[in-house]
C-alpha atoms as a PDB file:
ATOM      1  CA  UNK A   1     -15.837   9.637  15.772  1.00  0.00           C
ATOM      2  CA  UNK A   2     -16.640   9.769  12.073  1.00  0.00           C
ATOM      3  CA  UNK A   3     -20.051   9.725  10.496  1.00  0.00           C
ATOM      4  CA  UNK A   4     -19.665   7.139   7.682  1.00  0.00           C
ATOM      5  CA  UNK A   5     -22.163   8.860   5.367  1.00  0.00           C
ATOM      6  CA  UNK A   6     -20.515  12.265   5.827  1.00  0.00           C
ATOM      7  CA  UNK A   7     -17.053  10.785   5.320  1.00  0.00           C
ATOM      8  CA  UNK A   8     -18.119   9.107   2.093  1.00  0.00           C
ATOM      9  CA  UNK A   9     -19.853  12.259   0.840  1.00  0.00           C
ATOM     10  CA  UNK A  10     -16.799  14.410   1.613  1.00  0.00           C
ATOM     11  CA  UNK A  11     -14.439  12.077  -0.229  1.00  0.00           C
ATOM     12  CA  UNK A  12     -16.879  11.658  -3.100  1.00  0.00           C
ATOM     13  CA  UNK A  13     -16.668  15.395  -3.753  1.00  0.00           C
ATOM     14  CA  UNK A  14     -13.008  15.909  -2.826  1.00  0.00           C
ATOM     15  CA  UNK A  15     -11.389  12.841  -4.398  1.00  0.00           C
ATOM     16  CA  UNK A  16     -13.654  10.420  -6.286  1.00  0.00           C
ATOM     17  CA  UNK A  17     -15.130  12.958  -8.704  1.00  0.00           C
ATOM     18  CA  UNK A  18     -11.688  14.338  -9.430  1.00  0.00           C
ATOM     19  CA  UNK A  19     -10.378  10.822 -10.015  1.00  0.00           C
ATOM     20  CA  UNK A  20     -13.158  10.210 -12.523  1.00  0.00           C
ATOM     21  CA  UNK A  21     -12.016  13.267 -14.437  1.00  0.00           C
ATOM     22  CA  UNK A  22      -8.295  12.587 -14.172  1.00  0.00           C
ATOM     23  CA  UNK A  23      -8.609   8.905 -15.119  1.00  0.00           C
ATOM     24  CA  UNK A  24     -11.356   9.661 -17.659  1.00  0.00           C
ATOM     25  CA  UNK A  25     -13.322   6.648 -16.466  1.00  0.00           C
ATOM     26  CA  UNK A  26     -10.444   4.240 -17.061  1.00  0.00           C
ATOM     27  CA  UNK A  27     -10.184   3.093 -13.442  1.00  0.00           C
ATOM     28  CA  UNK A  28      -8.858  -0.286 -14.591  1.00  0.00           C
ATOM     29  CA  UNK A  29      -5.491   1.362 -15.304  1.00  0.00           C
ATOM     30  CA  UNK A  30      -5.031   1.302 -11.545  1.00  0.00           C
ATOM     31  CA  UNK A  31      -5.206  -2.464 -11.356  1.00  0.00           C
ATOM     32  CA  UNK A  32      -4.062  -3.856 -14.694  1.00  0.00           C
ATOM     33  CA  UNK A  33      -3.184  -7.278 -13.321  1.00  0.00           C
ATOM     34  CA  UNK A  34      -6.106  -8.033 -11.058  1.00  0.00           C
ATOM     35  CA  UNK A  35      -9.119 -10.301 -11.342  1.00  0.00           C
ATOM     36  CA  UNK A  36      -7.328 -12.837 -13.494  1.00  0.00           C
ATOM     37  CA  UNK A  37      -8.060 -16.363 -14.589  1.00  0.00           C
ATOM     38  CA  UNK A  38      -5.576 -18.558 -16.444  1.00  0.00           C
ATOM     39  CA  UNK A  39      -6.147 -18.621 -20.209  1.00  0.00           C
ATOM     40  CA  UNK A  40      -3.087 -20.460 -21.551  1.00  0.00           C
ATOM     41  CA  UNK A  41       0.588 -21.238 -21.196  1.00  0.00           C
ATOM     42  CA  UNK A  42       2.952 -20.095 -23.948  1.00  0.00           C
ATOM     43  CA  UNK A  43       6.662 -19.645 -24.548  1.00  0.00           C
ATOM     44  CA  UNK A  44       8.269 -16.575 -23.025  1.00  0.00           C
ATOM     45  CA  UNK A  45       8.639 -13.646 -25.408  1.00  0.00           C
ATOM     46  CA  UNK A  46      10.781 -10.541 -25.150  1.00  0.00           C
ATOM     47  CA  UNK A  47       9.068  -7.873 -22.969  1.00  0.00           C
ATOM     48  CA  UNK A  48       6.886 -10.419 -21.102  1.00  0.00           C
ATOM     49  CA  UNK A  49       6.527  -9.760 -17.378  1.00  0.00           C
ATOM     50  CA  UNK A  50       8.910 -12.193 -15.660  1.00  0.00           C
ATOM     51  CA  UNK A  51       6.506 -12.458 -12.705  1.00  0.00           C
ATOM     52  CA  UNK A  52       4.223 -14.597 -14.906  1.00  0.00           C
ATOM     53  CA  UNK A  53       6.861 -17.231 -15.670  1.00  0.00           C
ATOM     54  CA  UNK A  54       5.601 -20.695 -14.694  1.00  0.00           C
ATOM     55  CA  UNK A  55       8.720 -22.179 -13.196  1.00  0.00           C
ATOM     56  CA  UNK A  56       7.378 -25.732 -12.960  1.00  0.00           C
ATOM     57  CA  UNK A  57       6.558 -25.848 -16.686  1.00  0.00           C
ATOM     58  CA  UNK A  58       9.816 -24.063 -17.485  1.00  0.00           C
ATOM     59  CA  UNK A  59      11.779 -26.752 -15.642  1.00  0.00           C
ATOM     60  CA  UNK A  60       9.968 -29.556 -17.483  1.00  0.00           C
ATOM     61  CA  UNK A  61      10.209 -27.992 -20.948  1.00  0.00           C
ATOM     62  CA  UNK A  62      13.722 -26.599 -20.424  1.00  0.00           C
ATOM     63  CA  UNK A  63      12.695 -23.267 -21.855  1.00  0.00           C
ATOM     64  CA  UNK A  64      10.778 -20.395 -20.195  1.00  0.00           C
ATOM     65  CA  UNK A  65       6.973 -20.472 -20.312  1.00  0.00           C
ATOM     66  CA  UNK A  66       4.617 -17.768 -19.060  1.00  0.00           C
ATOM     67  CA  UNK A  67       1.051 -17.871 -17.792  1.00  0.00           C
ATOM     68  CA  UNK A  68      -1.322 -15.761 -19.855  1.00  0.00           C
ATOM     69  CA  UNK A  69      -4.462 -14.515 -18.127  1.00  0.00           C
ATOM     70  CA  UNK A  70      -7.902 -13.246 -18.996  1.00  0.00           C
ATOM     71  CA  UNK A  71      -9.528 -10.601 -16.805  1.00  0.00           C
ATOM     72  CA  UNK A  72     -12.586 -11.593 -14.822  1.00  0.00           C
ATOM     73  CA  UNK A  73     -15.520  -9.211 -14.744  1.00  0.00           C
ATOM     74  CA  UNK A  74     -15.743  -9.255 -10.962  1.00  0.00           C
ATOM     75  CA  UNK A  75     -12.859  -8.309  -8.718  1.00  0.00           C
ATOM     76  CA  UNK A  76     -12.401  -9.236  -5.079  1.00  0.00           C
ATOM     77  CA  UNK A  77     -10.172  -6.746  -3.269  1.00  0.00           C
ATOM     78  CA  UNK A  78      -8.744  -6.992   0.235  1.00  0.00           C
ATOM     79  CA  UNK A  79      -7.308  -4.245   2.417  1.00  0.00           C
ATOM     80  CA  UNK A  80      -4.604  -5.405   4.842  1.00  0.00           C
ATOM     81  CA  UNK A  81      -4.608  -2.538   7.334  1.00  0.00           C
ATOM     82  CA  UNK A  82      -1.819  -1.749   9.760  1.00  0.00           C
ATOM     83  CA  UNK A  83      -3.478   0.049  12.697  1.00  0.00           C
ATOM     84  CA  UNK A  84      -0.509  -0.201  15.054  1.00  0.00           C
ATOM     85  CA  UNK A  85       0.405   2.830  17.216  1.00  0.00           C
ATOM     86  CA  UNK A  86       2.942   4.195  14.721  1.00  0.00           C
ATOM     87  CA  UNK A  87       0.129   5.105  12.279  1.00  0.00           C
ATOM     88  CA  UNK A  88      -1.236   7.510  14.889  1.00  0.00           C
ATOM     89  CA  UNK A  89       1.658   9.841  14.154  1.00  0.00           C
ATOM     90  CA  UNK A  90       1.073  13.055  12.230  1.00  0.00           C
ATOM     91  CA  UNK A  91       2.041  16.689  12.269  1.00  0.00           C
ATOM     92  CA  UNK A  92       0.430  19.713  10.646  1.00  0.00           C
ATOM     93  CA  UNK A  93      -2.321  18.368   8.399  1.00  0.00           C
ATOM     94  CA  UNK A  94      -3.460  14.925   9.529  1.00  0.00           C
ATOM     95  CA  UNK A  95      -2.514  11.619  11.106  1.00  0.00           C
ATOM     96  CA  UNK A  96      -1.408   8.634   9.075  1.00  0.00           C
ATOM     97  CA  UNK A  97      -4.451   6.805  10.485  1.00  0.00           C
ATOM     98  CA  UNK A  98      -6.786   9.410   8.956  1.00  0.00           C
ATOM     99  CA  UNK A  99      -4.968   9.056   5.652  1.00  0.00           C
ATOM    100  CA  UNK A 100      -5.470   5.286   5.852  1.00  0.00           C
ATOM    101  CA  UNK A 101      -9.222   5.660   6.430  1.00  0.00           C
ATOM    102  CA  UNK A 102      -9.591   8.107   3.544  1.00  0.00           C
ATOM    103  CA  UNK A 103      -7.643   5.864   1.154  1.00  0.00           C
ATOM    104  CA  UNK A 104      -9.667   2.775   2.060  1.00  0.00           C
ATOM    105  CA  UNK A 105     -12.915   4.734   1.642  1.00  0.00           C
ATOM    106  CA  UNK A 106     -11.941   6.037  -1.805  1.00  0.00           C
ATOM    107  CA  UNK A 107     -10.704   2.721  -3.184  1.00  0.00           C
ATOM    108  CA  UNK A 108     -13.511   0.658  -1.648  1.00  0.00           C
ATOM    109  CA  UNK A 109     -16.133   2.975  -3.146  1.00  0.00           C
ATOM    110  CA  UNK A 110     -14.342   3.046  -6.490  1.00  0.00           C
ATOM    111  CA  UNK A 111     -14.351  -0.754  -6.611  1.00  0.00           C
ATOM    112  CA  UNK A 112     -17.829  -1.469  -5.255  1.00  0.00           C
ATOM    113  CA  UNK A 113     -19.628   0.978  -7.504  1.00  0.00           C
ATOM    114  CA  UNK A 114     -18.354  -1.087 -10.439  1.00  0.00           C
ATOM    115  CA  UNK A 115     -19.840  -4.268  -8.990  1.00  0.00           C
ATOM    116  CA  UNK A 116     -16.768  -5.591  -7.170  1.00  0.00           C
ATOM    117  CA  UNK A 117     -16.361  -6.892  -3.615  1.00  0.00           C
ATOM    118  CA  UNK A 118     -14.066  -5.644  -0.860  1.00  0.00           C
ATOM    119  CA  UNK A 119     -12.942  -7.070   2.469  1.00  0.00           C
ATOM    120  CA  UNK A 120     -10.428  -6.103   5.133  1.00  0.00           C
ATOM    121  CA  UNK A 121      -8.105  -7.460   7.804  1.00  0.00           C
ATOM    122  CA  UNK A 122      -7.320  -5.150  10.743  1.00  0.00           C
ATOM    123  CA  UNK A 123      -3.962  -5.491  12.506  1.00  0.00           C
ATOM    124  CA  UNK A 124      -2.849  -3.767  15.705  1.00  0.00           C
ATOM    125  CA  UNK A 125      -0.150  -5.852  17.360  1.00  0.00           C
ATOM    126  CA  UNK A 126      -2.326  -8.841  16.456  1.00  0.00           C
ATOM    127  CA  UNK A 127      -5.114  -9.492  13.974  1.00  0.00           C
ATOM    128  CA  UNK A 128      -8.025  -7.565  15.476  1.00  0.00           C
ATOM    129  CA  UNK A 129     -10.777  -8.132  12.929  1.00  0.00           C
ATOM    130  CA  UNK A 130     -11.553  -9.801   9.603  1.00  0.00           C
ATOM    131  CA  UNK A 131     -14.338  -8.294   7.488  1.00  0.00           C
ATOM    132  CA  UNK A 132     -15.463 -10.760   4.793  1.00  0.00           C
ATOM    133  CA  UNK A 133     -15.520  -9.456   1.231  1.00  0.00           C
ATOM    134  CA  UNK A 134     -18.881  -8.081   0.081  1.00  0.00           C
ATOM    135  CA  UNK A 135     -20.117  -5.574  -2.463  1.00  0.00           C
ATOM    136  CA  UNK A 136     -22.228  -2.447  -2.415  1.00  0.00           C
ATOM    137  CA  UNK A 137     -22.272   0.882  -0.644  1.00  0.00           C
ATOM    138  CA  UNK A 138     -23.284  -0.676   2.735  1.00  0.00           C
ATOM    139  CA  UNK A 139     -19.966  -2.552   2.763  1.00  0.00           C
ATOM    140  CA  UNK A 140     -18.062   0.713   2.270  1.00  0.00           C
ATOM    141  CA  UNK A 141     -19.997   2.355   5.102  1.00  0.00           C
ATOM    142  CA  UNK A 142     -19.255  -0.628   7.337  1.00  0.00           C
ATOM    143  CA  UNK A 143     -15.514  -0.307   6.621  1.00  0.00           C
ATOM    144  CA  UNK A 144     -15.592   3.399   7.477  1.00  0.00           C
ATOM    145  CA  UNK A 145     -17.587   2.768  10.654  1.00  0.00           C
ATOM    146  CA  UNK A 146     -15.396  -0.108  11.862  1.00  0.00           C
ATOM    147  CA  UNK A 147     -12.206   1.846  11.180  1.00  0.00           C
ATOM    148  CA  UNK A 148     -13.542   4.924  12.955  1.00  0.00           C
ATOM    149  CA  UNK A 149     -14.445   2.818  15.987  1.00  0.00           C
ATOM    150  CA  UNK A 150     -11.178   0.889  16.069  1.00  0.00           C
ATOM    151  CA  UNK A 151      -9.502   2.164  19.249  1.00  0.00           C
ATOM    152  CA  UNK A 152      -6.082   3.766  19.096  1.00  0.00           C
ATOM    153  CA  UNK A 153      -3.656   1.583  21.001  1.00  0.00           C
ATOM    154  CA  UNK A 154      -1.658   3.256  23.755  1.00  0.00           C
ATOM    155  CA  UNK A 155       0.496   0.165  24.189  1.00  0.00           C
ATOM    156  CA  UNK A 156       1.194  -2.667  21.795  1.00  0.00           C
ATOM    157  CA  UNK A 157       3.991  -5.119  21.042  1.00  0.00           C
ATOM    158  CA  UNK A 158       6.377  -4.042  18.264  1.00  0.00           C
ATOM    159  CA  UNK A 159       4.668  -4.218  14.877  1.00  0.00           C
ATOM    160  CA  UNK A 160       5.260  -7.465  13.009  1.00  0.00           C
ATOM    161  CA  UNK A 161       3.693  -7.420   9.549  1.00  0.00           C
ATOM    162  CA  UNK A 162       4.457 -11.127   9.209  1.00  0.00           C
ATOM    163  CA  UNK A 163       1.360 -11.816  11.346  1.00  0.00           C
ATOM    164  CA  UNK A 164      -0.853  -9.738   9.059  1.00  0.00           C
ATOM    165  CA  UNK A 165       0.521 -11.225   5.826  1.00  0.00           C
ATOM    166  CA  UNK A 166       0.361 -14.825   7.053  1.00  0.00           C
ATOM    167  CA  UNK A 167      -3.256 -14.288   8.096  1.00  0.00           C
ATOM    168  CA  UNK A 168      -4.005 -13.014   4.592  1.00  0.00           C
ATOM    169  CA  UNK A 169      -2.406 -16.128   3.096  1.00  0.00           C
ATOM    170  CA  UNK A 170      -4.794 -18.297   5.136  1.00  0.00           C
ATOM    171  CA  UNK A 171      -7.946 -16.205   4.698  1.00  0.00           C
ATOM    172  CA  UNK A 172      -7.838 -15.060   1.059  1.00  0.00           C
ATOM    173  CA  UNK A 173      -8.491 -18.127  -1.082  1.00  0.00           C
ATOM    174  CA  UNK A 174      -9.474 -16.806  -4.489  1.00  0.00           C
ATOM    175  CA  UNK A 175      -7.006 -14.743  -6.528  1.00  0.00           C
ATOM    176  CA  UNK A 176      -7.613 -11.141  -5.447  1.00  0.00           C
ATOM    177  CA  UNK A 177      -6.364  -7.610  -5.546  1.00  0.00           C
ATOM    178  CA  UNK A 178      -4.576  -6.976  -2.238  1.00  0.00           C
ATOM    179  CA  UNK A 179      -3.733  -3.550  -0.814  1.00  0.00           C
ATOM    180  CA  UNK A 180      -1.239  -3.527   2.058  1.00  0.00           C
ATOM    181  CA  UNK A 181      -1.778  -0.153   3.760  1.00  0.00           C
ATOM    182  CA  UNK A 182       0.950   0.537   6.299  1.00  0.00           C
ATOM    183  CA  UNK A 183       3.895   2.729   7.206  1.00  0.00           C
ATOM    184  CA  UNK A 184       5.966  -0.485   7.038  1.00  0.00           C
ATOM    185  CA  UNK A 185       7.704   0.253  10.332  1.00  0.00           C
ATOM    186  CA  UNK A 186       7.951  -3.370  11.360  1.00  0.00           C
ATOM    187  CA  UNK A 187      10.108  -6.108  12.785  1.00  0.00           C
ATOM    188  CA  UNK A 188      12.092  -7.855  10.011  1.00  0.00           C
ATOM    189  CA  UNK A 189      11.054 -11.099   8.355  1.00  0.00           C
ATOM    190  CA  UNK A 190       7.861 -10.024   6.564  1.00  0.00           C
ATOM    191  CA  UNK A 191       9.470 -10.186   3.116  1.00  0.00           C
ATOM    192  CA  UNK A 192       9.012 -13.964   2.906  1.00  0.00           C
ATOM    193  CA  UNK A 193       5.204 -14.007   3.394  1.00  0.00           C
ATOM    194  CA  UNK A 194       5.037 -10.966   1.110  1.00  0.00           C
ATOM    195  CA  UNK A 195       6.681 -12.997  -1.643  1.00  0.00           C
ATOM    196  CA  UNK A 196       4.237 -15.867  -1.079  1.00  0.00           C
ATOM    197  CA  UNK A 197       1.326 -13.437  -1.245  1.00  0.00           C
ATOM    198  CA  UNK A 198       2.502 -12.022  -4.596  1.00  0.00           C
ATOM    199  CA  UNK A 199       2.575 -15.531  -6.053  1.00  0.00           C
ATOM    200  CA  UNK A 200      -1.160 -15.891  -5.428  1.00  0.00           C
ATOM    201  CA  UNK A 201      -2.526 -12.361  -5.753  1.00  0.00           C
ATOM    202  CA  UNK A 202      -2.008  -8.938  -7.317  1.00  0.00           C
ATOM    203  CA  UNK A 203      -0.380  -7.025  -4.453  1.00  0.00           C
ATOM    204  CA  UNK A 204      -0.019  -3.255  -4.128  1.00  0.00           C
ATOM    205  CA  UNK A 205       1.714  -1.539  -1.209  1.00  0.00           C
ATOM    206  CA  UNK A 206       0.374   1.785   0.051  1.00  0.00           C
ATOM    207  CA  UNK A 207       3.126   3.349   2.129  1.00  0.00           C
ATOM    208  CA  UNK A 208       1.931   5.971   4.601  1.00  0.00           C
ATOM    209  CA  UNK A 209       4.395   8.539   5.895  1.00  0.00           C
ATOM    210  CA  UNK A 210       4.683  11.994   7.351  1.00  0.00           C
ATOM    211  CA  UNK A 211       7.435  14.360   6.128  1.00  0.00           C
ATOM    212  CA  UNK A 212       8.716  14.795   9.693  1.00  0.00           C
ATOM    213  CA  UNK A 213       9.640  11.111   9.691  1.00  0.00           C
ATOM    214  CA  UNK A 214      12.108  11.875   6.915  1.00  0.00           C
ATOM    215  CA  UNK A 215      13.734  15.055   8.266  1.00  0.00           C
ATOM    216  CA  UNK A 216      13.784  16.770  11.652  1.00  0.00           C
ATOM    217  CA  UNK A 217      13.129  20.508  11.821  1.00  0.00           C
ATOM    218  CA  UNK A 218      15.588  22.710  13.703  1.00  0.00           C
ATOM    219  CA  UNK A 219      13.355  23.599  16.668  1.00  0.00           C
ATOM    220  CA  UNK A 220      15.656  23.091  19.640  1.00  0.00           C
ATOM    221  CA  UNK A 221      15.452  20.556  22.489  1.00  0.00           C
ATOM    222  CA  UNK A 222      12.535  18.103  22.314  1.00  0.00           C
ATOM    223  CA  UNK A 223      11.523  14.760  23.822  1.00  0.00           C
ATOM    224  CA  UNK A 224      10.768  12.016  21.297  1.00  0.00           C
ATOM    225  CA  UNK A 225       8.693   8.964  22.247  1.00  0.00           C
ATOM    226  CA  UNK A 226       8.469   5.599  20.528  1.00  0.00           C
ATOM    227  CA  UNK A 227       4.781   5.093  19.663  1.00  0.00           C
ATOM    228  CA  UNK A 228       4.865   1.387  20.530  1.00  0.00           C
ATOM    229  CA  UNK A 229       7.432   0.902  23.311  1.00  0.00           C
ATOM    230  CA  UNK A 230       6.831   4.377  24.868  1.00  0.00           C
ATOM    231  CA  UNK A 231      10.603   4.702  25.274  1.00  0.00           C
ATOM    232  CA  UNK A 232      11.556   8.388  25.443  1.00  0.00           C
ATOM    233  CA  UNK A 233      14.658  10.135  24.150  1.00  0.00           C
ATOM    234  CA  UNK A 234      15.685  13.741  24.825  1.00  0.00           C
ATOM    235  CA  UNK A 235      17.405  15.335  21.824  1.00  0.00           C
ATOM    236  CA  UNK A 236      18.556  18.760  20.689  1.00  0.00           C
ATOM    237  CA  UNK A 237      17.480  19.396  17.104  1.00  0.00           C
ATOM    238  CA  UNK A 238      19.882  22.350  16.918  1.00  0.00           C
ATOM    239  CA  UNK A 239      22.576  19.671  16.555  1.00  0.00           C
ATOM    240  CA  UNK A 240      23.139  19.474  12.782  1.00  0.00           C
ATOM    241  CA  UNK A 241      25.115  16.237  13.052  1.00  0.00           C
ATOM    242  CA  UNK A 242      22.185  14.570  14.793  1.00  0.00           C
ATOM    243  CA  UNK A 243      19.747  15.848  12.135  1.00  0.00           C
ATOM    244  CA  UNK A 244      22.061  14.530   9.412  1.00  0.00           C
ATOM    245  CA  UNK A 245      22.197  11.108  11.080  1.00  0.00           C
ATOM    246  CA  UNK A 246      18.395  11.123  11.288  1.00  0.00           C
ATOM    247  CA  UNK A 247      18.118  11.835   7.543  1.00  0.00           C
ATOM    248  CA  UNK A 248      20.666   9.133   6.739  1.00  0.00           C
ATOM    249  CA  UNK A 249      18.750   6.572   8.834  1.00  0.00           C
ATOM    250  CA  UNK A 250      15.536   7.501   6.995  1.00  0.00           C
ATOM    251  CA  UNK A 251      17.262   7.097   3.638  1.00  0.00           C
ATOM    252  CA  UNK A 252      18.659   3.718   4.640  1.00  0.00           C
ATOM    253  CA  UNK A 253      15.203   2.530   5.758  1.00  0.00           C
ATOM    254  CA  UNK A 254      13.742   3.785   2.475  1.00  0.00           C
ATOM    255  CA  UNK A 255      16.427   1.975   0.467  1.00  0.00           C
ATOM    256  CA  UNK A 256      15.836  -1.314   2.279  1.00  0.00           C
ATOM    257  CA  UNK A 257      12.074  -1.065   1.744  1.00  0.00           C
ATOM    258  CA  UNK A 258      12.565  -0.392  -1.969  1.00  0.00           C
ATOM    259  CA  UNK A 259      14.793  -3.464  -2.257  1.00  0.00           C
ATOM    260  CA  UNK A 260      12.129  -5.626  -0.594  1.00  0.00           C
ATOM    261  CA  UNK A 261       9.321  -4.367  -2.819  1.00  0.00           C
ATOM    262  CA  UNK A 262      11.375  -4.591  -6.016  1.00  0.00           C
ATOM    263  CA  UNK A 263      12.536  -8.120  -5.225  1.00  0.00           C
ATOM    264  CA  UNK A 264       8.929  -9.248  -4.823  1.00  0.00           C
ATOM    265  CA  UNK A 265       7.548  -7.318  -7.813  1.00  0.00           C
ATOM    266  CA  UNK A 266       5.293  -5.122  -5.682  1.00  0.00           C
ATOM    267  CA  UNK A 267       4.305  -1.664  -6.935  1.00  0.00           C
ATOM    268  CA  UNK A 268       4.307   1.017  -4.254  1.00  0.00           C
ATOM    269  CA  UNK A 269       2.156   4.107  -3.825  1.00  0.00           C
ATOM    270  CA  UNK A 270       3.746   6.385  -1.189  1.00  0.00           C
ATOM    271  CA  UNK A 271       1.157   8.652   0.408  1.00  0.00           C
ATOM    272  CA  UNK A 272       2.171  11.568   2.599  1.00  0.00           C
ATOM    273  CA  UNK A 273      -0.061  13.252   5.140  1.00  0.00           C
ATOM    274  CA  UNK A 274       0.464  16.372   2.990  1.00  0.00           C
ATOM    275  CA  UNK A 275      -0.295  14.782  -0.399  1.00  0.00           C
ATOM    276  CA  UNK A 276      -3.154  15.487  -2.780  1.00  0.00           C
ATOM    277  CA  UNK A 277      -4.596  11.962  -2.826  1.00  0.00           C
ATOM    278  CA  UNK A 278      -6.376  12.259  -6.183  1.00  0.00           C
ATOM    279  CA  UNK A 279      -3.208  13.436  -7.921  1.00  0.00           C
ATOM    280  CA  UNK A 280      -1.039  10.738  -6.341  1.00  0.00           C
ATOM    281  CA  UNK A 281      -3.452   7.913  -7.202  1.00  0.00           C
ATOM    282  CA  UNK A 282      -3.669   9.194 -10.791  1.00  0.00           C
ATOM    283  CA  UNK A 283       0.119   9.448 -11.074  1.00  0.00           C
ATOM    284  CA  UNK A 284       0.417   5.886  -9.790  1.00  0.00           C
ATOM    285  CA  UNK A 285      -2.183   4.640 -12.287  1.00  0.00           C
ATOM    286  CA  UNK A 286      -0.441   6.318 -15.208  1.00  0.00           C
ATOM    287  CA  UNK A 287       2.910   4.789 -14.272  1.00  0.00           C
ATOM    288  CA  UNK A 288       1.363   1.318 -14.142  1.00  0.00           C
ATOM    289  CA  UNK A 289      -0.321   1.921 -17.491  1.00  0.00           C
ATOM    290  CA  UNK A 290       2.979   3.040 -18.963  1.00  0.00           C
ATOM    291  CA  UNK A 291       4.738  -0.066 -17.705  1.00  0.00           C
ATOM    292  CA  UNK A 292       2.038  -2.319 -19.140  1.00  0.00           C
ATOM    293  CA  UNK A 293       2.437  -0.732 -22.582  1.00  0.00           C
ATOM    294  CA  UNK A 294       6.233  -0.644 -22.560  1.00  0.00           C
ATOM    295  CA  UNK A 295       7.589  -2.976 -19.871  1.00  0.00           C
ATOM    296  CA  UNK A 296      11.138  -3.151 -21.225  1.00  0.00           C
ATOM    297  CA  UNK A 297      11.771   0.594 -21.379  1.00  0.00           C
ATOM    298  CA  UNK A 298       9.945   1.178 -18.107  1.00  0.00           C
ATOM    299  CA  UNK A 299      11.959  -1.505 -16.328  1.00  0.00           C
ATOM    300  CA  UNK A 300      15.181   0.055 -17.589  1.00  0.00           C
ATOM    301  CA  UNK A 301      14.253   3.517 -16.366  1.00  0.00           C
ATOM    302  CA  UNK A 302      12.353   2.738 -13.146  1.00  0.00           C
ATOM    303  CA  UNK A 303      13.455  -0.668 -11.912  1.00  0.00           C
ATOM    304  CA  UNK A 304      11.482  -3.897 -12.263  1.00  0.00           C
ATOM    305  CA  UNK A 305       8.312  -4.140 -10.242  1.00  0.00           C
ATOM    306  CA  UNK A 306       8.448  -0.582  -8.988  1.00  0.00           C
ATOM    307  CA  UNK A 307       6.192   2.351  -9.737  1.00  0.00           C
ATOM    308  CA  UNK A 308       6.937   4.122  -6.502  1.00  0.00           C
ATOM    309  CA  UNK A 309       8.205   7.672  -6.160  1.00  0.00           C
ATOM    310  CA  UNK A 310      11.395   8.200  -4.192  1.00  0.00           C
ATOM    311  CA  UNK A 311      10.607   9.803  -0.848  1.00  0.00           C
ATOM    312  CA  UNK A 312      13.136  12.590  -0.553  1.00  0.00           C
ATOM    313  CA  UNK A 313      13.996  13.965   2.899  1.00  0.00           C
ATOM    314  CA  UNK A 314      13.183  17.631   3.034  1.00  0.00           C
ATOM    315  CA  UNK A 315      10.421  17.464   0.431  1.00  0.00           C
ATOM    316  CA  UNK A 316       7.556  18.471   2.670  1.00  0.00           C
ATOM    317  CA  UNK A 317       4.819  18.637   0.065  1.00  0.00           C
ATOM    318  CA  UNK A 318       5.151  15.010  -1.052  1.00  0.00           C
END
């Protein structure tokens, strides 16, 4: 059980104050496209973000038009939180669930102390809870408390992020900043509601992972258990061919996820259980700032819609 006040105080010292120094107060670089209201439509110009093309107007005018936005003063942010059994995995330092709680605490406090509102949707095999968006420190403490008291599921149906994303489409009415915090180990089919969500909101994906999900150590015979189905498999990690197949499967999963995020224009922040959160959030913010200033060159070098770092098997420090 976590004490919400102690959790917030710990992260204030360990992460938030460092973020203030690293970002030099420019926290808006994290969320350059959020809190937007339509200002005007204009013809597409070279280097414009293609995600802002208004296809209906483009079809009528027979030339591309883009939507130009003004930033609102107040932001509404939502955390879509995957609390399925697979996030209870971890190794040396922490569980992915603990990483999720710390990230939500940091970002919720960062947003609310600037007068913005935050809400959350909890998912664990089904939608477990919806916390309406509110502002202030009490809302952050409520998020911490509710997450700390959310029971870990011993059994659950296979994760299906489609349920979580479709719920968000129904619940979140006003254009918002949406964080999807998950390990994205899910049944297929969630890319369609993800695309619909990006049409209405500014969507960021926070991908949680542990290095041991990317590469198996050579430690001899072990029994592995699926966190959701509880199916067990006895393997010998001395077998190099098996370890190589494991790495290849992880790479293939990573490649498919990158394709899905890139296709939908979603920026990704991978967070490892061994990462320095302040450094990774700052790196992510700087990449988004760079892309905003020079979208053409950034797209050429990084791939459209992607500010994520490649997760390399064997890189244990993130």
